[in-house]
Amino acid sequence: MNFYPFLLQALPEVQLDSLEVAQEPQNIVSIIFSSGPLGIIISVALFLLSIYAMYIFIERYMSITKAGKIDQSFMANIRKSVQNGNIESAKALCSNTDTPVARMIEKGLARIGKPMNDINAAIDNIGNIELIKLEKNLSTLATISGAAPMIGFFGTVTGMISAFREMSLSENITPDVLAGGIYQALLTTAFGLFVGIISFVGYNYLVAAVEKVIFQMEARSSEFMDLLQEPA
């Protein structure tokens, strides 16, 4: 027996209308545009920050990964050339290898014949320059990871201010009166936290990757200095 017609008669008309409204689909774009002008501005700002953070992460990831790739035979070939007295061959090998380690070793090769302290200082200077290159824009990514949630919280505060203002000015308080401010408060908070979390995770991942490259640089420079101090 079909009870659906009886169910329709039993439900009040207001409830049927509310069910129809509840079934209307909502997407993220419509929710953003329902949050008011300030909510739209904050959402767009957070979206642009997320794009910039993603660009920094991808660009730095590719650069750091490239810097960390070292041919296992590189130092062996350098050692062989230096021991044979073929310094120019070792310099050519460094010039053809686009890594921080190769540039540090090349500077050390150029200082051969000078005191060991001078060679070590020259290698350290190049190492510091390479470190600055590796850490490029990492501070910006860290700033985004901290600023994005704060921008989201700013949207939350302004959204709640807007909602309470509408409550004070409206004689008949309905959900539509509060919807704009509440949308802004919740949406900007969620968006800001999302951008902040992604940026924070990306920043820490890149910092760990840079530390691995630094360890390789220190290990290879120490190996080179030991090579120069070996007896002929």
Protein backbone atom coordinates (compact mmCIF):
# COMPACT_ATOMS: atom_id res chain seq x y z
CA MET A 1 0.00 0.00 0.00
CA ASN A 2 1.39 3.40 -0.96
CA PHE A 3 1.47 5.82 2.00
CA TYR A 4 3.19 8.67 0.08
CA PRO A 5 -0.07 10.64 -0.73
CA PHE A 6 -1.12 10.47 2.93
CA LEU A 7 2.36 11.65 3.98
CA LEU A 8 2.11 14.66 1.70
CA GLN A 9 -1.28 15.60 3.15
CA ALA A 10 0.03 15.23 6.69
CA LEU A 11 3.06 17.53 6.19
CA PRO A 12 2.40 21.27 6.61
CA GLU A 13 2.96 23.46 3.60
CA VAL A 14 5.69 25.38 5.40
CA GLN A 15 7.66 22.20 6.00
CA LEU A 16 7.36 21.19 2.35
CA ASP A 17 8.69 24.58 1.31
CA SER A 18 11.60 24.24 3.73
CA LEU A 19 12.39 20.80 2.32
CA GLU A 20 12.46 22.17 -1.20
CA VAL A 21 14.78 24.99 -0.14
CA ALA A 22 17.07 22.57 1.69
CA GLN A 23 17.39 20.49 -1.45
CA GLU A 24 18.73 23.40 -3.49
CA PRO A 25 22.42 22.68 -4.22
CA GLN A 26 25.08 25.03 -2.81
CA ASN A 27 28.59 25.29 -4.23
CA ILE A 28 31.61 27.10 -2.89
CA VAL A 29 31.29 29.98 -5.35
CA SER A 30 27.70 30.76 -4.38
CA ILE A 31 28.62 30.59 -0.70
CA ILE A 32 31.49 33.06 -1.26
CA PHE A 33 29.24 35.52 -3.05
CA SER A 34 26.68 35.15 -0.27
CA SER A 35 29.22 36.31 2.32
CA GLY A 36 29.11 39.99 1.39
CA PRO A 37 31.66 42.38 -0.18
CA LEU A 38 34.23 42.14 2.61
CA GLY A 39 33.94 38.36 2.72
CA ILE A 40 34.52 38.22 -1.04
CA ILE A 41 37.62 40.44 -0.76
CA ILE A 42 39.08 38.33 2.05
CA SER A 43 38.33 35.08 0.20
CA VAL A 44 40.00 36.39 -2.96
CA ALA A 45 43.04 37.52 -0.95
CA LEU A 46 43.35 34.08 0.64
CA PHE A 47 42.96 32.42 -2.75
CA LEU A 48 45.79 34.53 -4.19
CA LEU A 49 47.97 33.69 -1.18
CA SER A 50 47.30 29.99 -1.72
CA ILE A 51 48.36 30.27 -5.37
CA TYR A 52 51.53 32.13 -4.41
CA ALA A 53 52.34 29.61 -1.66
CA MET A 54 51.88 26.74 -4.11
CA TYR A 55 54.18 28.45 -6.62
CA ILE A 56 56.89 28.95 -3.99
CA PHE A 57 56.65 25.34 -2.84
CA ILE A 58 56.87 23.86 -6.35
CA GLU A 59 59.70 26.18 -7.44
CA ARG A 60 61.73 25.59 -4.27
CA TYR A 61 61.07 21.86 -4.31
CA MET A 62 62.45 21.55 -7.84
CA SER A 63 65.49 23.73 -7.06
CA ILE A 64 66.36 22.00 -3.79
CA THR A 65 65.88 18.55 -5.31
CA LYS A 66 68.19 19.50 -8.17
CA ALA A 67 70.79 20.85 -5.73
CA GLY A 68 70.72 17.64 -3.74
CA LYS A 69 71.41 15.36 -6.71
CA ILE A 70 75.09 14.49 -6.61
CA ASP A 71 76.76 11.98 -8.87
CA GLN A 72 78.32 9.30 -6.69
CA SER A 73 81.41 9.30 -8.89
CA PHE A 74 81.88 13.09 -8.68
CA MET A 75 84.21 13.17 -5.69
CA ALA A 76 86.01 10.05 -6.90
CA ASN A 77 86.83 11.79 -10.19
CA ILE A 78 87.89 14.95 -8.34
CA ARG A 79 90.19 12.91 -6.12
CA LYS A 80 91.70 11.12 -9.11
CA SER A 81 92.36 14.38 -10.99
CA VAL A 82 93.91 16.12 -7.97
CA GLN A 83 96.13 13.18 -7.13
CA ASN A 84 97.33 13.08 -10.75
CA GLY A 85 98.02 16.82 -10.63
CA ASN A 86 95.40 17.52 -13.30
CA ILE A 87 93.73 20.47 -11.61
CA GLU A 88 92.25 21.84 -14.85
CA SER A 89 90.41 18.60 -15.44
CA ALA A 90 88.94 18.79 -11.95
CA LYS A 91 87.86 22.42 -12.55
CA ALA A 92 86.22 21.45 -15.83
CA LEU A 93 84.30 18.69 -14.07
CA CYS A 94 83.05 21.17 -11.48
CA SER A 95 82.04 23.68 -14.17
CA ASN A 96 79.98 21.03 -15.93
CA THR A 97 78.19 20.02 -12.71
CA ASP A 98 75.41 22.41 -11.68
CA THR A 99 75.26 21.78 -7.92
CA PRO A 100 76.27 23.76 -4.81
CA VAL A 101 78.87 21.12 -3.94
CA ALA A 102 80.53 21.45 -7.35
CA ARG A 103 80.73 25.24 -7.03
CA MET A 104 82.28 24.94 -3.56
CA ILE A 105 84.88 22.42 -4.77
CA GLU A 106 85.64 24.60 -7.80
CA LYS A 107 86.39 27.56 -5.54
CA GLY A 108 88.66 25.35 -3.42
CA LEU A 109 90.49 24.14 -6.54
CA ALA A 110 91.06 27.73 -7.59
CA ARG A 111 92.76 28.40 -4.21
CA ILE A 112 95.14 25.43 -4.34
CA GLY A 113 98.65 26.59 -3.43
CA LYS A 114 97.44 29.02 -0.78
CA PRO A 115 97.24 28.36 2.99
CA MET A 116 94.65 25.81 4.05
CA ASN A 117 92.78 28.40 6.12
CA ASP A 118 92.32 30.56 3.03
CA ILE A 119 91.02 27.61 1.02
CA ASN A 120 88.63 26.66 3.80
CA ALA A 121 87.38 30.25 4.15
CA ALA A 122 86.78 30.50 0.39
CA ILE A 123 84.77 27.27 0.41
CA ASP A 124 82.74 28.47 3.40
CA ASN A 125 81.94 31.76 1.65
CA ILE A 126 80.61 29.94 -1.40
CA GLY A 127 78.67 27.61 0.90
CA ASN A 128 76.97 30.59 2.57
CA ILE A 129 76.03 32.03 -0.82
CA GLU A 130 74.58 28.70 -1.92
CA LEU A 131 72.64 28.43 1.34
CA ILE A 132 71.03 31.82 0.70
CA LYS A 133 70.00 30.62 -2.75
CA LEU A 134 68.49 27.44 -1.31
CA GLU A 135 66.48 29.37 1.29
CA LYS A 136 65.09 31.84 -1.24
CA ASN A 137 61.39 32.65 -0.54
CA LEU A 138 61.19 30.21 2.37
CA SER A 139 60.63 33.12 4.75
CA THR A 140 57.76 34.28 2.52
CA LEU A 141 56.17 30.84 2.72
CA ALA A 142 56.51 30.92 6.51
CA THR A 143 54.88 34.36 6.57
CA ILE A 144 51.93 33.08 4.52
CA SER A 145 51.51 30.13 6.89
CA GLY A 146 51.12 32.57 9.78
CA ALA A 147 49.26 35.38 8.01
CA ALA A 148 46.57 33.31 6.27
CA PRO A 149 44.84 32.12 9.48
CA MET A 150 44.98 35.67 10.87
CA ILE A 151 43.33 37.01 7.73
CA GLY A 152 40.70 34.30 8.09
CA PHE A 153 40.09 35.29 11.72
CA PHE A 154 39.76 38.92 10.62
CA GLY A 155 37.00 37.79 8.28
CA THR A 156 35.40 35.94 11.20
CA VAL A 157 35.34 39.03 13.39
CA THR A 158 34.02 41.32 10.66
CA GLY A 159 31.42 38.71 9.70
CA MET A 160 30.11 38.45 13.24
CA ILE A 161 30.06 42.25 13.51
CA SER A 162 27.99 42.35 10.32
CA ALA A 163 25.61 39.67 11.64
CA PHE A 164 25.01 41.43 14.96
CA ARG A 165 24.57 44.75 13.18
CA GLU A 166 21.86 43.26 10.98
CA MET A 167 20.20 41.84 14.10
CA SER A 168 20.14 45.26 15.74
CA LEU A 169 18.71 47.00 12.69
CA SER A 170 16.14 44.39 11.68
CA GLU A 171 12.72 44.25 13.35
CA ASN A 172 12.05 40.74 12.06
CA ILE A 173 15.13 38.59 12.51
CA THR A 174 15.20 35.76 9.99
CA PRO A 175 17.96 33.37 8.87
CA ASP A 176 18.40 35.45 5.70
CA VAL A 177 19.29 38.48 7.81
CA LEU A 178 22.15 36.62 9.50
CA ALA A 179 23.24 34.45 6.58
CA GLY A 180 25.72 36.89 5.00
CA GLY A 181 27.66 37.57 8.19
CA ILE A 182 27.69 33.94 9.28
CA TYR A 183 28.81 32.79 5.82
CA GLN A 184 31.68 35.29 5.95
CA ALA A 185 32.66 34.27 9.49
CA LEU A 186 32.76 30.55 8.82
CA LEU A 187 34.08 30.58 5.26
CA THR A 188 37.04 32.90 5.81
CA THR A 189 38.08 31.00 8.94
CA ALA A 190 38.04 27.66 7.14
CA PHE A 191 39.81 29.04 4.07
CA GLY A 192 42.47 30.84 6.14
CA LEU A 193 43.20 27.74 8.23
CA PHE A 194 43.43 25.59 5.09
CA VAL A 195 45.95 27.94 3.43
CA GLY A 196 47.92 28.27 6.66
CA ILE A 197 48.13 24.52 7.27
CA ILE A 198 49.21 23.76 3.69
CA SER A 199 51.83 26.52 3.76
CA PHE A 200 53.15 25.44 7.17
CA VAL A 201 53.53 21.81 6.11
CA GLY A 202 55.20 22.85 2.84
CA TYR A 203 57.60 25.18 4.67
CA ASN A 204 58.73 22.51 7.13
CA TYR A 205 59.16 19.98 4.34
CA LEU A 206 61.39 22.37 2.40
CA VAL A 207 63.42 23.26 5.50
CA ALA A 208 64.11 19.57 6.07
CA ALA A 209 65.14 19.19 2.41
CA VAL A 210 67.52 22.17 2.70
CA GLU A 211 69.12 20.65 5.79
CA LYS A 212 69.85 17.47 3.84
CA VAL A 213 71.58 19.48 1.11
CA ILE A 214 73.58 21.39 3.73
CA PHE A 215 74.74 18.10 5.23
CA GLN A 216 75.93 16.97 1.78
CA MET A 217 77.74 20.27 1.24
CA GLU A 218 79.56 20.01 4.57
CA ALA A 219 80.46 16.36 4.04
CA ARG A 220 81.87 16.94 0.53
CA SER A 221 83.81 20.06 1.55
CA SER A 222 85.38 18.17 4.47
CA GLU A 223 86.27 15.34 2.12
CA PHE A 224 87.91 17.83 -0.25
CA MET A 225 89.92 19.46 2.54
CA ASP A 226 91.10 16.03 3.68
CA LEU A 227 92.14 15.29 0.11
CA LEU A 228 94.33 18.39 -0.03
CA GLN A 229 96.07 17.42 3.22
CA GLU A 230 96.90 13.88 2.11
CA PRO A 231 100.60 13.25 1.55
CA ALA A 232 101.66 13.40 -2.07
